[in-house]
N, C-alpha and C. Protein backbone atom coordinates (compact mmCIF):
# COMPACT_ATOMS: atom_id res chain seq x y z
N UNK A 1 0.92 -1.21 -0.19
CA UNK A 1 0.11 -0.04 -0.22
C UNK A 1 0.89 0.99 0.01
N UNK A 2 1.71 1.41 0.76
CA UNK A 2 2.70 2.61 0.67
C UNK A 2 3.35 2.69 -0.61
N UNK A 3 3.92 1.85 -1.45
CA UNK A 3 4.46 1.46 -2.56
C UNK A 3 3.36 2.37 -3.38
N UNK A 4 2.05 1.69 -3.74
CA UNK A 4 0.93 2.45 -4.48
C UNK A 4 0.79 3.77 -4.11
N UNK A 5 1.00 4.25 -3.09
CA UNK A 5 0.55 5.60 -2.29
C UNK A 5 1.88 6.66 -2.92
N UNK A 6 3.12 6.11 -2.61
CA UNK A 6 4.29 6.73 -3.40
C UNK A 6 4.43 6.90 -4.80
N UNK A 7 3.77 6.03 -5.63
CA UNK A 7 3.57 6.11 -6.85
C UNK A 7 2.74 6.89 -7.22
N UNK A 8 1.45 7.11 -6.75
CA UNK A 8 0.63 7.69 -7.11
C UNK A 8 0.86 9.50 -6.92
N UNK A 9 1.77 9.66 -5.57
CA UNK A 9 2.06 11.21 -5.56
C UNK A 9 3.01 11.27 -6.50
N UNK A 10 3.96 10.52 -6.74
CA UNK A 10 5.27 10.74 -8.05
C UNK A 10 4.58 11.09 -9.18
N UNK A 11 3.37 10.31 -9.77
CA UNK A 11 2.72 10.70 -10.94
C UNK A 11 1.26 11.58 -10.96
N UNK A 12 1.15 12.26 -9.72
CA UNK A 12 0.20 12.89 -9.61
C UNK A 12 0.27 14.17 -10.24
N UNK A 13 1.60 15.14 -10.13
CA UNK A 13 1.68 16.40 -10.69
C UNK A 13 1.78 16.22 -12.21
N UNK A 14 2.18 14.99 -12.84
CA UNK A 14 2.59 15.35 -14.33
C UNK A 14 0.93 14.86 -14.94
N UNK A 15 0.06 14.22 -14.02
CA UNK A 15 -1.16 14.45 -14.73
C UNK A 15 -2.11 15.52 -14.37
N UNK A 16 -1.79 16.00 -13.43
CA UNK A 16 -2.48 17.58 -13.04
C UNK A 16 -2.03 18.23 -14.08
N UNK A 17 -0.72 18.20 -14.36
CA UNK A 17 -0.16 19.31 -15.35
C UNK A 17 -0.84 18.88 -16.67
N UNK A 18 -1.10 17.85 -17.17
CA UNK A 18 -1.35 17.48 -18.59
C UNK A 18 -2.92 17.77 -18.77
N UNK A 19 -3.70 17.83 -17.30
CA UNK A 19 -5.22 18.07 -17.45
C UNK A 19 -5.23 19.56 -17.54
N UNK A 20 -4.43 20.16 -16.73
CA UNK A 20 -4.30 21.50 -16.80
C UNK A 20 -3.70 22.45 -18.30
N UNK A 21 -2.85 21.82 -18.81
CA UNK A 21 -2.29 22.06 -20.14
C UNK A 21 -3.69 21.83 -21.13
N UNK A 22 -4.34 21.12 -20.85
CA UNK A 22 -5.57 20.82 -21.75
C UNK A 22 -5.11 19.41 -22.65
N UNK A 23 -4.50 18.30 -22.01
CA UNK A 23 -3.74 17.12 -23.10
C UNK A 23 -4.84 16.53 -23.55
N UNK A 24 -6.27 16.30 -23.22
CA UNK A 24 -6.97 15.58 -23.61
C UNK A 24 -7.97 16.51 -24.70
N UNK A 25 -7.50 17.72 -24.89
CA UNK A 25 -8.42 18.53 -26.05
C UNK A 25 -7.60 18.78 -26.99
N UNK A 26 -7.70 20.13 -27.40
CA UNK A 26 -7.23 20.82 -28.72
C UNK A 26 -6.27 21.46 -28.03
N UNK A 27 -5.95 21.73 -26.80
CA UNK A 27 -4.99 22.97 -26.44
C UNK A 27 -5.49 24.18 -26.06
N UNK A 28 -4.40 24.73 -25.27
CA UNK A 28 -4.87 26.39 -25.12
C UNK A 28 -4.58 27.33 -26.60
N UNK A 29 -3.52 26.70 -27.15
CA UNK A 29 -3.24 27.68 -28.22
C UNK A 29 -3.23 26.98 -29.54
N UNK A 30 -4.39 27.17 -30.27
CA UNK A 30 -4.72 26.41 -31.09
C UNK A 30 -3.94 26.78 -32.51
N UNK A 31 -3.24 27.98 -32.48
CA UNK A 31 -2.44 28.40 -33.27
C UNK A 31 -1.00 28.71 -33.12
N UNK A 32 -0.06 28.46 -33.64
CA UNK A 32 1.47 28.88 -33.50
C UNK A 32 1.93 27.70 -32.40
N UNK A 33 2.61 28.48 -31.29
CA UNK A 33 3.25 27.58 -30.23
C UNK A 33 2.69 27.34 -29.27
N UNK A 34 2.39 26.53 -28.44
CA UNK A 34 1.61 26.42 -27.24
C UNK A 34 1.84 25.02 -26.56
N UNK A 35 1.18 24.54 -25.85
CA UNK A 35 1.31 23.26 -25.09
C UNK A 35 1.05 22.34 -26.29
N UNK A 36 0.49 22.03 -27.39
CA UNK A 36 0.55 21.10 -28.22
C UNK A 36 1.15 21.23 -29.51
N UNK A 37 1.61 22.63 -29.66
CA UNK A 37 2.47 22.66 -30.77
C UNK A 37 3.71 23.52 -30.97
N UNK A 38 4.51 23.33 -31.56
CA UNK A 38 5.63 24.35 -31.87
C UNK A 38 6.05 24.81 -33.07
N UNK A 39 6.28 25.57 -33.37
CA UNK A 39 6.97 26.27 -34.79
C UNK A 39 7.49 25.21 -35.56
N UNK A 40 7.16 24.69 -36.90
CA UNK A 40 8.01 23.52 -37.59
C UNK A 40 9.78 24.13 -37.79
N UNK A 41 10.02 25.39 -37.95
CA UNK A 41 11.45 25.61 -38.06
C UNK A 41 12.06 25.34 -36.84
N UNK A 42 11.29 25.66 -35.63
CA UNK A 42 12.39 25.43 -34.40
C UNK A 42 12.66 23.93 -34.35
N UNK A 43 11.09 22.74 -34.57
CA UNK A 43 11.39 21.77 -34.24
C UNK A 43 12.55 21.19 -35.11
N UNK A 44 12.41 21.79 -36.37
CA UNK A 44 13.39 21.11 -37.43
C UNK A 44 14.77 21.53 -37.24
N UNK A 45 15.09 22.76 -36.46
CA UNK A 45 16.63 23.10 -35.94
C UNK A 45 16.84 22.18 -34.72
N UNK A 46 16.12 21.94 -33.83
CA UNK A 46 16.54 20.99 -32.95
C UNK A 46 16.72 19.66 -33.41
N UNK A 47 15.89 18.85 -34.17
CA UNK A 47 15.97 17.71 -34.88
C UNK A 47 17.53 17.60 -35.54
N UNK A 48 17.56 18.57 -36.54
CA UNK A 48 18.81 18.65 -37.33
C UNK A 48 20.24 18.76 -36.29
N UNK A 49 19.81 19.67 -35.28
CA UNK A 49 21.30 19.68 -34.38
C UNK A 49 21.39 18.26 -33.73
N UNK A 50 20.24 17.91 -33.14
CA UNK A 50 20.61 16.59 -32.17
C UNK A 50 20.54 15.21 -33.26
N UNK A 51 20.23 15.35 -34.53
CA UNK A 51 20.34 14.07 -35.55
C UNK A 51 21.78 14.04 -35.67
N UNK A 52 22.63 15.24 -35.72
CA UNK A 52 23.83 15.62 -36.22
C UNK A 52 24.61 15.27 -35.03
N UNK A 53 24.56 15.70 -33.80
CA UNK A 53 25.17 15.24 -32.59
C UNK A 53 25.00 13.33 -32.30
N UNK A 54 23.95 12.87 -32.85
CA UNK A 54 23.73 11.56 -32.42
C UNK A 54 24.10 10.50 -33.30
N UNK A 55 24.60 11.43 -34.83
CA UNK A 55 24.59 10.14 -36.00
C UNK A 55 23.60 9.61 -36.40
N UNK A 56 22.55 10.17 -36.41
CA UNK A 56 21.32 9.20 -36.90
C UNK A 56 20.77 10.38 -37.85
N UNK A 57 20.22 9.85 -38.82
CA UNK A 57 19.05 10.33 -40.24
C UNK A 57 18.00 11.38 -39.43
N UNK A 58 18.18 12.58 -39.76
CA UNK A 58 17.16 13.50 -39.03
C UNK A 58 15.68 13.10 -39.47
N UNK A 59 15.77 12.44 -40.56
CA UNK A 59 14.46 11.78 -41.15
C UNK A 59 13.44 11.08 -40.50
N UNK A 60 14.71 10.19 -39.82
CA UNK A 60 14.21 9.17 -39.31
C UNK A 60 13.85 9.34 -37.90
N UNK A 61 14.49 10.65 -37.18
CA UNK A 61 14.14 11.48 -36.07
C UNK A 61 12.51 11.70 -35.91
N UNK A 62 12.28 12.69 -37.32
CA UNK A 62 11.36 13.49 -37.42
C UNK A 62 10.09 12.44 -37.79
N UNK A 63 10.55 11.07 -38.47
CA UNK A 63 9.32 10.17 -38.53
C UNK A 63 8.94 9.44 -37.09
N UNK A 64 9.65 9.31 -36.24
CA UNK A 64 9.59 8.92 -34.99
C UNK A 64 8.61 10.19 -34.18
N UNK A 65 9.20 11.11 -34.04
CA UNK A 65 8.17 12.14 -33.46
C UNK A 65 6.88 12.00 -34.16
N UNK A 66 6.51 12.05 -35.39
CA UNK A 66 5.23 11.97 -36.33
C UNK A 66 4.49 10.72 -35.25
N UNK A 67 4.89 9.92 -35.15
CA UNK A 67 4.02 8.84 -34.89
C UNK A 67 4.24 8.89 -33.01
N UNK A 68 5.10 9.03 -32.53
CA UNK A 68 4.86 9.08 -31.26
C UNK A 68 4.40 10.10 -30.81
N UNK A 69 4.33 11.12 -31.10
CA UNK A 69 3.69 12.10 -30.69
C UNK A 69 2.78 13.13 -31.75
N UNK A 70 3.00 12.93 -32.74
CA UNK A 70 2.30 13.55 -33.75
C UNK A 70 2.85 15.36 -33.61
N UNK A 71 4.02 15.51 -32.84
CA UNK A 71 4.66 16.68 -33.17
C UNK A 71 4.30 17.43 -31.84
N UNK A 72 3.62 17.16 -30.78
CA UNK A 72 2.81 17.39 -29.40
C UNK A 72 4.04 17.52 -28.65
N UNK A 73 4.50 18.67 -27.81
CA UNK A 73 5.68 18.22 -27.00
C UNK A 73 4.97 18.12 -25.66
N UNK A 74 3.71 18.33 -25.30
CA UNK A 74 2.97 17.88 -24.62
C UNK A 74 2.44 16.54 -24.39
N UNK A 75 2.76 15.66 -25.47
CA UNK A 75 1.90 14.70 -25.66
C UNK A 75 2.23 13.64 -24.25
N UNK A 76 1.34 12.86 -23.68
CA UNK A 76 1.64 11.86 -22.48
C UNK A 76 0.85 10.91 -22.99
N UNK A 77 1.30 9.53 -22.90
CA UNK A 77 0.67 8.22 -23.20
C UNK A 77 0.30 7.82 -21.81
N UNK A 78 -0.49 6.57 -22.05
CA UNK A 78 -1.31 6.24 -21.07
C UNK A 78 -0.32 5.14 -20.13
N UNK A 79 0.73 4.94 -20.84
CA UNK A 79 1.97 4.30 -20.09
C UNK A 79 2.66 5.22 -19.50
N UNK A 80 2.99 6.82 -19.56
CA UNK A 80 3.31 7.38 -19.01
C UNK A 80 4.51 7.85 -19.63
N UNK A 81 4.85 7.65 -20.86
CA UNK A 81 5.70 8.55 -21.79
C UNK A 81 5.66 9.80 -22.21
N UNK A 82 6.44 10.78 -22.35
CA UNK A 82 6.04 11.89 -22.10
C UNK A 82 7.00 12.93 -23.44
N UNK A 83 6.30 13.44 -24.10
CA UNK A 83 7.24 14.63 -24.91
C UNK A 83 7.01 14.16 -26.26
N UNK A 84 7.76 14.98 -27.11
CA UNK A 84 7.83 14.92 -28.70
C UNK A 84 8.26 13.35 -29.16
N UNK A 85 9.24 12.55 -28.29
CA UNK A 85 9.62 11.47 -28.47
C UNK A 85 9.08 10.22 -27.63
N UNK A 86 8.22 10.47 -26.80
CA UNK A 86 7.91 9.50 -25.68
C UNK A 86 8.92 8.93 -25.02
N UNK A 87 9.28 9.58 -24.30
CA UNK A 87 10.16 9.08 -23.48
C UNK A 87 9.68 8.61 -22.05
N UNK A 88 10.00 7.10 -21.67
CA UNK A 88 9.37 6.85 -20.32
C UNK A 88 10.43 7.48 -19.19
N UNK A 89 9.91 7.66 -18.18
CA UNK A 89 10.53 8.13 -17.06
C UNK A 89 11.81 7.85 -16.87
N UNK A 90 12.01 6.38 -16.90
CA UNK A 90 13.23 5.94 -16.41
C UNK A 90 14.36 6.12 -17.65
N UNK A 91 13.78 5.86 -18.87
CA UNK A 91 14.70 6.03 -20.23
C UNK A 91 15.09 7.46 -19.81
N UNK A 92 14.16 8.34 -19.79
CA UNK A 92 14.65 9.75 -19.74
C UNK A 92 15.76 9.83 -18.70
N UNK A 93 15.58 9.60 -17.57
CA UNK A 93 16.76 9.69 -16.61
C UNK A 93 17.82 8.96 -16.89
N UNK A 94 18.02 7.82 -17.32
CA UNK A 94 18.98 7.25 -17.84
C UNK A 94 19.70 7.98 -19.18
N UNK A 95 19.18 8.84 -19.76
CA UNK A 95 19.68 9.55 -20.92
C UNK A 95 19.97 11.04 -20.44
N UNK A 96 19.99 11.37 -19.43
CA UNK A 96 20.33 12.42 -18.37
C UNK A 96 19.20 13.69 -19.18
N UNK A 97 18.00 13.31 -19.21
CA UNK A 97 17.01 14.26 -19.20
C UNK A 97 16.30 14.53 -18.07
N UNK A 98 16.39 15.82 -17.72
CA UNK A 98 15.69 16.16 -16.55
C UNK A 98 14.40 16.87 -16.75
N UNK A 99 14.29 17.40 -17.82
CA UNK A 99 12.60 17.68 -18.14
C UNK A 99 12.15 17.24 -19.66
N UNK A 100 11.48 15.85 -19.47
CA UNK A 100 11.23 15.73 -20.76
C UNK A 100 9.98 16.24 -21.63
N UNK A 101 9.47 17.43 -20.77
CA UNK A 101 8.63 18.19 -21.33
C UNK A 101 9.37 19.47 -22.69
N UNK A 102 10.84 19.56 -21.80
CA UNK A 102 11.60 20.48 -22.98
C UNK A 102 11.90 19.99 -24.12
N UNK A 103 11.21 20.32 -25.29
CA UNK A 103 11.81 20.06 -26.69
C UNK A 103 13.01 19.42 -26.87
N UNK A 104 13.70 20.60 -26.48
CA UNK A 104 15.59 20.28 -27.18
C UNK A 104 15.90 19.05 -26.01
N UNK A 105 15.36 19.22 -24.68
CA UNK A 105 15.96 17.68 -23.75
C UNK A 105 15.63 16.45 -24.53
N UNK A 106 13.97 16.67 -24.91
CA UNK A 106 13.47 15.29 -25.17
C UNK A 106 14.21 15.09 -26.39
N UNK A 107 14.63 15.69 -27.54
CA UNK A 107 14.66 15.25 -28.76
C UNK A 107 16.27 14.78 -28.68
N UNK A 108 17.17 15.43 -27.82
CA UNK A 108 18.35 15.16 -27.28
C UNK A 108 18.25 13.81 -26.89
N UNK A 109 17.19 13.38 -25.75
CA UNK A 109 17.37 12.18 -25.43
C UNK A 109 16.84 11.11 -26.28
N UNK A 110 15.74 11.33 -26.99
CA UNK A 110 14.85 10.27 -28.11
C UNK A 110 16.14 9.89 -29.03
N UNK A 111 16.52 11.07 -29.46
CA UNK A 111 17.77 11.08 -30.97
C UNK A 111 18.92 10.14 -29.97
N UNK A 112 19.50 10.00 -28.95
CA UNK A 112 20.35 9.23 -28.21
C UNK A 112 20.16 8.12 -28.02
N UNK A 113 19.08 7.79 -27.64
CA UNK A 113 18.27 6.57 -27.40
C UNK A 113 18.36 5.63 -28.85
N UNK A 114 17.74 6.59 -29.69
CA UNK A 114 17.46 5.82 -31.17
C UNK A 114 19.01 5.74 -31.56
N UNK A 115 19.99 6.52 -31.87
CA UNK A 115 21.19 6.13 -31.78
C UNK A 115 22.07 4.97 -31.32
N UNK A 116 22.19 4.77 -29.96
CA UNK A 116 22.28 3.62 -29.27
C UNK A 116 21.34 2.35 -29.68
N UNK A 117 20.29 2.22 -30.10
CA UNK A 117 19.42 1.41 -30.52
C UNK A 117 20.08 0.49 -32.06
N UNK A 118 20.40 1.72 -32.62
CA UNK A 118 20.85 1.72 -33.90
C UNK A 118 22.08 0.96 -33.87
N UNK A 119 23.11 1.38 -33.26
CA UNK A 119 24.32 0.75 -32.73
C UNK A 119 24.00 -0.79 -32.66
N UNK A 120 23.39 -0.91 -31.40
CA UNK A 120 23.09 -2.27 -30.86
C UNK A 120 22.51 -3.10 -31.96
N UNK A 121 21.78 -2.55 -33.15
CA UNK A 121 21.30 -3.45 -34.07
C UNK A 121 22.01 -3.39 -35.24
N UNK A 122 22.95 -2.79 -35.11
CA UNK A 122 24.32 -2.79 -36.37
C UNK A 122 23.55 -2.38 -37.63
N UNK A 123 22.54 -1.02 -37.34
CA UNK A 123 22.16 -0.08 -38.23
C UNK A 123 20.83 -0.77 -38.69
N UNK A 124 20.31 -1.84 -38.32
CA UNK A 124 18.93 -2.37 -38.67
C UNK A 124 18.03 -1.59 -38.42
N UNK A 125 17.33 -0.60 -39.30
CA UNK A 125 16.41 0.33 -38.56
C UNK A 125 15.18 -0.57 -38.12
N UNK A 126 14.39 -1.47 -38.60
CA UNK A 126 13.55 -2.07 -38.07
C UNK A 126 13.59 -2.73 -36.51
N UNK A 127 14.78 -3.31 -36.32
CA UNK A 127 15.14 -3.78 -35.12
C UNK A 127 15.04 -2.98 -34.18
N UNK A 128 15.84 -1.97 -34.43
CA UNK A 128 15.93 -0.29 -33.59
C UNK A 128 14.38 0.15 -33.09
N UNK A 129 13.65 0.44 -34.13
CA UNK A 129 12.14 0.85 -33.78
C UNK A 129 11.40 -0.03 -33.12
N UNK A 130 11.41 -1.56 -33.46
CA UNK A 130 11.07 -2.11 -32.51
C UNK A 130 11.72 -2.42 -30.69
N UNK A 131 12.59 -2.17 -30.89
CA UNK A 131 13.26 -1.74 -29.31
C UNK A 131 12.90 -0.62 -28.85
N UNK A 132 12.90 0.49 -29.78
CA UNK A 132 12.31 1.47 -29.16
C UNK A 132 10.99 1.86 -28.61
N UNK A 133 10.05 0.98 -29.16
CA UNK A 133 8.69 0.69 -28.84
C UNK A 133 8.38 -0.42 -27.59
N UNK A 134 9.21 -1.51 -28.10
CA UNK A 134 8.71 -2.72 -27.16
C UNK A 134 9.93 -3.01 -25.95
N UNK A 135 11.03 -2.29 -26.37
CA UNK A 135 12.49 -2.37 -25.55
C UNK A 135 13.24 -3.63 -25.91
N UNK A 136 14.73 -3.32 -25.62
CA UNK A 136 15.55 -4.15 -26.30
C UNK A 136 15.29 -5.48 -25.55
N UNK A 137 14.65 -6.11 -24.50
CA UNK A 137 14.58 -7.08 -24.03
C UNK A 137 13.77 -8.00 -24.69
N UNK A 138 12.48 -7.37 -25.32
CA UNK A 138 11.59 -8.23 -26.09
C UNK A 138 11.99 -8.19 -27.50
N UNK A 139 12.95 -7.46 -27.89
CA UNK A 139 13.55 -7.94 -29.21
C UNK A 139 14.75 -9.05 -29.15
N UNK A 140 15.24 -9.16 -27.99
CA UNK A 140 16.56 -10.16 -27.79
C UNK A 140 15.45 -11.45 -27.10
N UNK A 141 14.22 -11.38 -26.70
CA UNK A 141 13.53 -12.37 -26.56
C UNK A 141 13.04 -13.30 -27.71
N UNK A 142 12.34 -12.48 -28.17
CA UNK A 142 11.74 -12.95 -29.82
C UNK A 142 12.86 -13.30 -30.86
N UNK A 143 14.26 -12.54 -30.89
CA UNK A 143 15.29 -12.72 -31.82
C UNK A 143 14.78 -12.04 -32.45
N UNK A 144 14.01 -10.80 -32.82
CA UNK A 144 13.45 -9.91 -33.93
C UNK A 144 12.35 -9.04 -33.39
N UNK A 145 11.49 -8.43 -34.52
CA UNK A 145 10.74 -7.78 -33.88
C UNK A 145 9.61 -8.75 -33.11
N UNK A 146 9.31 -8.48 -32.03
CA UNK A 146 8.13 -8.96 -31.36
C UNK A 146 6.78 -8.86 -31.93
N UNK A 147 6.22 -10.11 -31.42
CA UNK A 147 5.05 -10.41 -32.31
C UNK A 147 3.71 -9.81 -31.50
N UNK A 148 4.08 -8.25 -30.99
CA UNK A 148 3.01 -7.79 -30.45
C UNK A 148 2.53 -6.66 -31.63
N UNK A 149 1.04 -6.81 -31.65
CA UNK A 149 0.35 -6.03 -32.79
C UNK A 149 0.52 -4.65 -32.72
N UNK A 150 0.93 -3.76 -31.57
CA UNK A 150 1.47 -2.55 -31.38
C UNK A 150 2.70 -2.29 -32.12
N UNK A 151 3.44 -2.94 -31.59
CA UNK A 151 4.78 -3.04 -32.11
C UNK A 151 4.91 -3.08 -33.62
N UNK A 152 4.38 -4.34 -34.17
CA UNK A 152 4.58 -4.14 -35.38
C UNK A 152 3.86 -3.14 -36.32
N UNK A 153 2.93 -2.59 -35.84
CA UNK A 153 2.13 -1.50 -36.60
C UNK A 153 2.87 -0.17 -36.34
N UNK A 154 3.57 -0.11 -35.19
CA UNK A 154 4.73 0.94 -35.02
C UNK A 154 5.68 1.16 -35.93
N UNK A 155 6.55 -0.02 -35.87
CA UNK A 155 7.54 -0.09 -36.75
C UNK A 155 6.91 0.04 -38.53
N UNK A 156 5.96 -0.30 -38.69
CA UNK A 156 5.36 0.12 -40.17
C UNK A 156 5.04 1.40 -40.28
N UNK A 157 4.55 1.78 -39.59
CA UNK A 157 3.98 3.12 -39.47
C UNK A 157 5.15 4.34 -39.60
N UNK A 158 6.45 3.91 -38.64
CA UNK A 158 7.38 4.71 -38.80
C UNK A 158 8.27 4.80 -40.13
N UNK A 159 8.46 3.47 -40.41
CA UNK A 159 8.92 3.31 -41.67
C UNK A 159 8.04 3.69 -43.08
N UNK A 160 6.94 3.75 -42.83
CA UNK A 160 6.29 4.06 -43.93
C UNK A 160 6.36 5.78 -43.85
N UNK A 161 6.56 6.27 -42.77
CA UNK A 161 6.62 7.89 -42.47
C UNK A 161 7.99 8.15 -43.18
N UNK A 162 9.30 7.48 -42.71
CA UNK A 162 10.44 7.71 -42.92
C UNK A 162 10.76 7.57 -44.68
N UNK A 163 10.19 6.40 -45.06
CA UNK A 163 10.36 6.32 -46.76
C UNK A 163 9.63 7.42 -47.52
N UNK A 164 8.56 7.94 -46.99
CA UNK A 164 7.55 8.53 -48.13
C UNK A 164 8.21 9.94 -48.59
N UNK A 165 8.69 10.27 -49.74
CA UNK A 165 9.51 11.31 -50.11
C UNK A 165 8.92 12.73 -49.59
N UNK A 166 7.77 13.03 -49.55
CA UNK A 166 7.45 14.11 -49.21
C UNK A 166 7.30 14.78 -47.98
N UNK A 167 7.55 14.07 -46.93
CA UNK A 167 7.36 14.18 -45.73
C UNK A 167 8.51 14.81 -45.01
N UNK A 168 9.88 15.16 -45.37
CA UNK A 168 10.64 15.45 -44.62
C UNK A 168 10.92 16.97 -45.21
N UNK A 169 10.26 17.57 -45.89
CA UNK A 169 10.70 18.99 -46.30
C UNK A 169 10.51 20.13 -44.91
């Protein structure tokens, strides 16, 4: 019971902030930058910088962002993943991300994570994406893309966006 109470109080501020920011609706600012959007030029600049720093194709990072959060820096999943690249709290901490809601930190952490996975899977993009979604343990256990419907759909969606010629301008 004590662990459940501690877990509640650790996550309550995140949930409250998401509700106050309007995360279940259209956002407070429907145009321009607000809790649910950011200027494309700013996002592209962040992606370009972090992709270069982590030796990852910026188009792959953009595809992950599009599928993970739709470009919403305030996105939060039911599992607790946060921000543009949907970093889980433990992953964010391990990557040195102190504020996963900050687009620069979030993309820096997500690009580093993606770079690490691409290195781990010797450049195999589908396996790296599967590990980004389901975890390296699941990829190791199944010796490939895990047979989870969500993971298969995720890998296909990211690859579809990544390979689409007109989505990276």
